[in-house]
Protein backbone atom coordinates (compact mmCIF):
# COMPACT_ATOMS: atom_id res chain seq x y z
CA MET A 1 111.55 128.87 136.73
CA ASP A 2 109.79 126.01 134.44
CA ILE A 3 105.75 125.87 134.78
CA THR A 4 105.99 122.76 137.08
CA SER A 5 108.11 124.67 139.42
CA GLN A 6 105.85 127.86 139.33
CA ILE A 7 102.75 125.77 140.37
CA LYS A 8 104.37 124.16 143.13
CA LYS A 9 105.77 127.09 144.72
CA PRO A 10 102.83 128.04 147.21
CA ILE A 11 103.24 124.20 148.48
CA GLN A 12 106.98 123.30 147.88
CA LYS A 13 107.22 122.75 152.03
CA GLU A 14 103.82 120.41 151.59
CA MET A 15 105.67 118.63 148.95
CA GLU A 16 109.29 117.89 150.12
CA LEU A 17 107.60 116.35 153.49
CA PHE A 18 104.93 114.51 151.22
CA GLU A 19 108.06 112.69 149.13
CA LYS A 20 110.07 111.74 152.12
CA LYS A 21 106.41 110.03 153.55
CA PHE A 22 105.65 109.12 150.09
CA TYR A 23 109.06 106.72 150.52
CA GLN A 24 108.35 105.63 154.00
CA SER A 25 104.94 104.87 153.18
CA MET A 26 105.90 102.01 151.24
CA THR A 27 108.87 100.50 153.05
CA SER A 28 108.73 96.75 153.81
CA LYS A 29 110.57 93.98 155.45
CA ILE A 30 111.35 92.21 152.23
CA ALA A 31 115.05 93.56 150.79
CA LEU A 32 113.41 93.03 147.31
CA LEU A 33 110.48 95.06 148.00
CA ASN A 34 112.56 98.01 149.02
CA ARG A 35 114.65 97.64 146.03
CA ILE A 36 111.77 97.98 143.32
CA THR A 37 110.30 100.95 145.46
CA TYR A 38 113.22 102.96 145.85
CA TYR A 39 113.51 102.50 141.96
CA ILE A 40 109.74 103.91 141.70
CA VAL A 41 110.56 106.55 143.99
CA ASN A 42 113.56 107.81 142.42
CA ARG A 43 111.86 107.55 138.87
CA LYS A 44 108.42 109.67 139.74
CA GLY A 45 106.81 111.84 137.69
CA LYS A 46 105.78 115.75 138.17
CA GLN A 47 103.72 114.19 140.72
CA MET A 48 100.32 116.49 139.74
CA ARG A 49 97.98 114.23 141.76
CA PRO A 50 99.37 115.15 144.96
CA MET A 51 100.06 118.77 143.79
CA PHE A 52 96.24 118.83 143.00
CA VAL A 53 95.55 117.40 146.73
CA PHE A 54 97.37 120.21 148.26
CA LEU A 55 96.44 123.25 146.25
CA THR A 56 92.64 122.41 146.51
CA ALA A 57 92.81 121.95 150.57
CA LYS A 58 94.95 125.43 150.53
CA MET A 59 92.73 127.21 148.59
CA ILE A 60 89.50 126.10 150.51
CA SER A 61 91.07 126.35 153.95
CA ASP A 62 92.78 129.60 153.91
CA GLY A 63 96.51 127.90 153.55
CA GLN A 64 96.06 125.22 156.03
CA VAL A 65 96.70 121.64 155.32
CA LEU A 66 96.09 118.89 157.99
CA GLU A 67 97.99 115.15 158.79
CA ARG A 68 94.94 114.15 157.33
CA THR A 69 95.63 115.99 153.53
CA TYR A 70 99.20 113.96 153.33
CA ARG A 71 97.06 110.89 154.20
CA GLY A 72 94.80 111.93 151.25
CA ALA A 73 97.66 112.46 148.86
CA LEU A 74 99.78 109.34 149.85
CA VAL A 75 97.06 107.21 148.96
CA ILE A 76 95.71 108.65 145.85
CA GLU A 77 99.88 108.46 144.65
CA LEU A 78 99.75 104.62 145.98
CA ILE A 79 97.16 103.81 144.36
CA HIS A 80 98.24 105.72 141.11
CA THR A 81 101.60 104.17 141.09
CA ALA A 82 100.05 100.85 141.89
CA THR A 83 97.57 101.50 138.37
CA LEU A 84 100.57 102.59 136.34
CA VAL A 85 102.74 99.27 137.30
CA HIS A 86 99.78 97.27 136.41
CA ASP A 87 98.93 98.83 133.28
CA ASP A 88 102.61 98.52 132.04
CA VAL A 89 102.19 94.38 132.34
CA VAL A 90 98.86 94.65 130.66
CA ASP A 91 100.24 96.83 127.75
CA ASP A 92 103.44 94.76 127.70
CA SER A 93 105.15 97.98 128.37
CA ASN A 94 108.97 98.00 128.33
CA ARG A 95 109.35 101.87 128.96
CA ARG A 96 107.90 104.23 131.97
CA ARG A 97 109.03 107.97 131.60
CA GLY A 98 111.98 107.28 129.66
CA PHE A 99 113.30 104.65 132.45
CA PHE A 100 112.87 100.46 132.11
CA SER A 101 109.18 99.39 133.65
CA ILE A 102 109.11 97.55 136.63
CA ASN A 103 108.34 94.22 134.57
CA ALA A 104 110.78 95.32 132.08
CA LEU A 105 113.18 94.50 135.14
CA TRP A 106 111.78 92.19 137.45
CA LYS A 107 109.12 90.18 134.89
CA ASN A 108 105.57 90.35 135.22
CA LYS A 109 104.84 87.81 138.29
CA ILE A 110 106.63 90.09 140.40
CA ALA A 111 105.29 94.01 138.86
CA VAL A 112 101.70 92.18 139.79
CA LEU A 113 102.43 91.73 143.02
CA VAL A 114 104.37 94.98 143.88
CA GLY A 115 101.30 96.83 142.26
CA ASP A 116 99.11 94.69 144.65
CA TYR A 117 101.51 95.74 147.61
CA LEU A 118 101.13 99.35 146.79
CA LEU A 119 97.58 99.00 146.84
CA SER A 120 97.18 97.49 149.99
CA LYS A 121 99.78 100.09 151.19
CA GLY A 122 96.95 102.61 150.16
CA LEU A 123 93.77 101.03 151.41
CA LEU A 124 95.62 100.50 154.80
CA LEU A 125 96.79 103.42 155.26
CA SER A 126 93.25 105.01 155.02
CA ILE A 127 91.60 102.30 157.29
CA ASP A 128 94.50 102.52 159.80
CA ASN A 129 93.92 106.24 160.13
CA GLY A 130 90.10 105.99 160.17
CA ASP A 131 89.72 107.97 156.92
CA PHE A 132 86.90 106.01 156.06
CA ASP A 133 85.58 109.16 154.00
CA LEU A 134 88.84 109.72 152.28
CA LEU A 135 88.96 106.07 151.39
CA LYS A 136 85.38 105.98 150.01
CA ILE A 137 86.44 108.69 147.50
CA ILE A 138 89.82 106.88 146.47
CA SER A 139 87.70 103.33 146.15
CA VAL A 140 85.01 104.79 144.07
CA ALA A 141 87.78 106.18 141.41
CA VAL A 142 89.49 102.67 141.05
CA ARG A 143 86.70 101.33 140.18
CA GLU A 144 85.56 103.77 137.94
CA MET A 145 89.44 103.63 135.90
CA SER A 146 88.43 99.51 135.70
CA GLU A 147 85.30 100.02 134.26
CA GLY A 148 86.70 103.06 131.92
CA GLU A 149 89.56 100.81 130.69
CA LEU A 150 87.18 97.73 130.02
CA LEU A 151 84.21 99.88 128.32
CA GLN A 152 87.28 101.14 126.26
CA ILE A 153 87.99 97.38 125.15
CA GLU A 154 84.96 96.46 124.47
CA LYS A 155 83.90 99.05 122.12
CA ALA A 156 87.31 99.14 120.36
CA ARG A 157 86.44 95.97 119.21
CA ARG A 158 83.57 96.94 117.02
CA LEU A 159 84.42 100.47 116.48
CA ASP A 160 80.72 101.78 117.63
CA ILE A 161 82.02 104.45 119.71
CA THR A 162 79.59 107.72 119.52
CA GLU A 163 80.88 111.04 121.35
CA ASP A 164 78.82 110.58 124.62
CA ILE A 165 80.38 107.04 125.15
CA TYR A 166 83.67 108.47 124.87
CA TYR A 167 83.11 110.99 126.90
CA GLU A 168 82.43 108.13 129.65
CA ILE A 169 85.41 106.39 129.01
CA ILE A 170 87.30 109.31 129.45
CA ARG A 171 85.45 110.79 132.13
CA GLN A 172 86.14 106.93 133.82
CA LYS A 173 90.03 105.97 132.80
CA THR A 174 91.52 109.74 133.33
CA ALA A 175 89.04 112.29 135.03
CA THR A 176 88.04 109.92 137.79
CA LEU A 177 91.08 110.27 139.44
CA ILE A 178 91.96 113.96 139.05
CA ALA A 179 88.25 114.39 140.39
CA ALA A 180 89.67 112.19 143.37
CA CYS A 181 92.45 114.78 144.21
CA CYS A 182 90.98 117.48 144.32
CA ALA A 183 87.51 116.01 146.13
CA LEU A 184 90.28 114.28 148.76
CA GLY A 185 91.89 117.69 149.30
CA ALA A 186 88.64 119.36 149.62
CA LYS A 187 86.98 116.49 151.71
CA SER A 188 90.50 116.63 154.45
CA VAL A 189 89.77 120.34 155.48
CA SER A 190 86.19 120.72 155.50
CA ASP A 191 82.88 118.87 156.30
CA ASP A 192 81.29 120.63 153.34
CA ASP A 193 79.59 118.25 151.09
CA VAL A 194 78.65 120.88 148.41
CA GLN A 195 82.07 122.35 148.44
CA VAL A 196 83.82 118.88 148.38
CA GLU A 197 81.35 118.07 145.20
CA ASN A 198 82.19 121.47 143.71
CA MET A 199 85.88 120.74 143.56
CA ARG A 200 85.11 117.13 142.48
CA LYS A 201 83.80 118.44 139.13
CA PHE A 202 86.35 120.75 138.92
CA GLY A 203 88.88 118.05 138.88
CA GLU A 204 86.70 115.91 136.69
CA LEU A 205 86.28 118.86 133.98
CA ILE A 206 90.62 119.48 134.34
CA GLY A 207 90.84 115.30 133.38
CA MET A 208 88.81 115.50 130.44
CA ALA A 209 90.20 118.57 128.90
CA PHE A 210 93.77 117.12 129.76
CA GLN A 211 92.57 113.33 128.08
CA ILE A 212 91.27 115.43 124.83
CA LYS A 213 95.11 117.23 124.49
CA ASP A 214 96.38 113.85 124.72
CA ASP A 215 94.55 112.57 121.72
CA LEU A 216 95.30 115.51 119.89
CA PHE A 217 99.43 114.26 120.45
CA ASP A 218 98.42 111.60 117.92
CA TYR A 219 97.57 114.13 115.14
CA SER A 220 100.03 117.11 116.10
CA GLU A 221 103.78 117.61 115.66
CA GLU A 222 104.44 118.93 118.79
CA ALA A 223 105.74 116.30 120.66
CA ILE A 224 107.94 114.82 118.43
CA GLY A 225 108.17 116.92 115.11
CA LYS A 226 105.85 114.31 113.34
CA PRO A 227 102.03 112.66 114.41
CA THR A 228 102.71 109.66 115.80
CA GLY A 229 99.27 107.99 114.95
CA ILE A 230 99.79 105.34 117.44
CA ASP A 231 95.90 105.67 118.59
CA ILE A 232 95.34 104.56 115.51
CA LYS A 233 97.70 101.72 115.10
CA GLU A 234 96.13 100.49 118.71
CA GLN A 235 92.80 100.95 117.19
CA LYS A 236 91.86 103.70 120.16
CA MET A 237 89.32 105.56 119.20
CA THR A 238 89.43 109.15 120.20
CA LEU A 239 87.49 112.50 119.42
CA PRO A 240 89.11 113.87 116.74
CA LEU A 241 88.20 110.41 114.61
CA ILE A 242 85.00 109.74 116.42
CA TYR A 243 84.14 113.18 115.12
CA VAL A 244 85.15 112.80 111.72
CA LEU A 245 83.39 109.50 111.43
CA ASN A 246 79.86 110.87 112.38
CA ASN A 247 80.20 113.54 110.24
CA CYS A 248 81.28 112.42 107.17
CA THR A 249 79.98 110.42 103.71
CA LYS A 250 79.19 106.29 103.95
CA LYS A 251 82.22 105.88 101.06
CA GLU A 252 84.60 108.00 103.47
CA LYS A 253 83.27 106.27 107.04
CA ASP A 254 83.69 102.61 105.10
CA TRP A 255 87.13 103.71 104.33
CA LEU A 256 87.90 104.84 107.63
CA ILE A 257 86.65 102.10 109.39
CA ASN A 258 88.82 99.54 107.08
CA SER A 259 91.83 101.75 107.49
CA ILE A 260 91.59 101.21 111.52
CA LYS A 261 90.73 97.83 111.32
CA ASN A 262 92.45 96.28 108.66
CA LYS A 263 95.46 98.69 107.55
CA ASN A 264 95.99 100.03 110.87
CA LYS A 265 100.03 98.84 110.60
CA ASP A 266 100.49 100.20 107.29
CA LYS A 267 102.26 103.47 107.89
CA LYS A 268 101.02 105.35 104.54
CA ARG A 269 97.72 104.27 105.35
CA VAL A 270 98.25 105.45 108.92
CA ARG A 271 99.42 109.37 107.85
CA GLU A 272 96.82 109.59 105.11
CA VAL A 273 93.96 108.59 107.95
CA ILE A 274 95.78 111.37 110.00
CA ALA A 275 95.37 113.90 106.89
CA PHE A 276 91.75 113.17 106.47
CA VAL A 277 90.85 113.93 110.05
CA LYS A 278 92.70 117.11 109.79
CA ASN A 279 91.14 118.07 106.84
CA GLN A 280 87.62 117.21 108.33
CA ASN A 281 88.50 119.47 110.74
CA GLY A 282 88.87 117.24 113.74
CA LEU A 283 91.19 118.37 115.70
CA ALA A 284 89.37 121.77 115.63
CA TYR A 285 86.57 120.21 116.86
CA ALA A 286 88.09 118.24 119.70
CA GLU A 287 90.34 121.66 120.40
CA ASP A 288 86.92 123.58 120.98
CA LYS A 289 85.55 120.86 123.16
CA MET A 290 88.89 121.12 125.48
CA VAL A 291 88.70 124.42 125.92
CA GLN A 292 84.84 124.50 126.69
CA PHE A 293 85.88 122.05 129.72
CA GLN A 294 88.97 124.40 130.62
CA GLN A 295 86.86 127.22 130.82
CA GLU A 296 84.10 125.09 132.79
CA ALA A 297 87.03 124.10 135.26
CA LEU A 298 87.92 127.65 135.82
CA SER A 299 84.41 129.00 136.41
CA LEU A 300 84.15 126.88 139.30
CA ILE A 301 86.70 128.20 141.13
CA GLU A 302 86.34 131.84 140.46
CA ASN A 303 84.21 132.78 143.49
CA PHE A 304 87.27 131.78 145.70
CA PRO A 305 89.08 135.00 146.98
CA SER A 306 92.08 135.49 145.02
CA SER A 307 95.33 133.43 146.81
CA PRO A 308 98.71 131.73 145.53
CA TYR A 309 97.16 128.25 145.52
CA LYS A 310 93.90 129.66 143.54
CA GLU A 311 96.34 130.99 140.89
CA SER A 312 98.65 127.67 140.80
CA LEU A 313 95.67 125.67 140.14
CA ILE A 314 94.54 128.36 137.33
CA LEU A 315 97.76 127.77 135.87
CA MET A 316 98.30 124.12 136.43
CA VAL A 317 94.44 124.22 134.11
CA ASN A 318 96.17 126.21 131.47
CA TYR A 319 98.97 124.13 131.54
CA VAL A 320 96.75 120.99 131.10
CA ILE A 321 95.58 122.24 127.99
CA GLU A 322 98.90 124.48 126.59
CA ARG A 323 101.65 121.59 127.34
CA LYS A 324 103.94 120.31 124.44
CA LYS A 325 104.04 116.69 125.75
């Protein structure tokens, strides 16, 4: 059994019902929209976000889920899908998970409108059912994701990212959505604000570890047999690079900045940057930080009684930093 199937096992029934509800939640009177949403549903990813919602809810409520829990999972997946559709337009990307992106098949204008449609469907699902507490959690996440993207763009232009700013960018860009999943799961079954905040923090820490792992793929040979260097080519400042920039000589720093600003399309120079970052312990430093976030996340759920849901969440946390792609 692969790791995703193992994680999903205690919530198999919920995930199957969720998939039906997810498709229904997107339906429209417009034939074109239905064609596109059918395409989206049939090319979905691992659906880690709804899994976080259901596992969190079941862990803290002794295996119970409510209709509200399904709505929480639906709104997060609708809004996450909307952001992916919009991201592909922003990045001018023609592929998503190995398939053609919406903008590649139906052009940018339709892709933007589809993203807007999914976003509005998510918001209305909460409003129509009076889930204003859940809507607040997701709305804060959407705001932070937008701010994180813009902060990264602003800083990339000047290449003046400190480690603290980097953490703030990844907290907003990546971690805030996983934090929202865990907070939604908790809030859907509990009015205990301390517990909801605890689970939000748990999700945030996993999100931080997840993004650092993604950054490491740029330098490692795990995913495709050779380092990609894509982040360097795109002038993205990630933790291994930030650490080395802040811990090398002025001459080395000038060379690095010049490489990223002016030589980032030169394959040989990109390979040299990757080798330099490795030799200066940039990867080891980032790995240590990733494990710190992971351990802190696990400590937040250690007091919950043992259950299949808790075991799956632990598996999920470990999978985040052990995955190969």
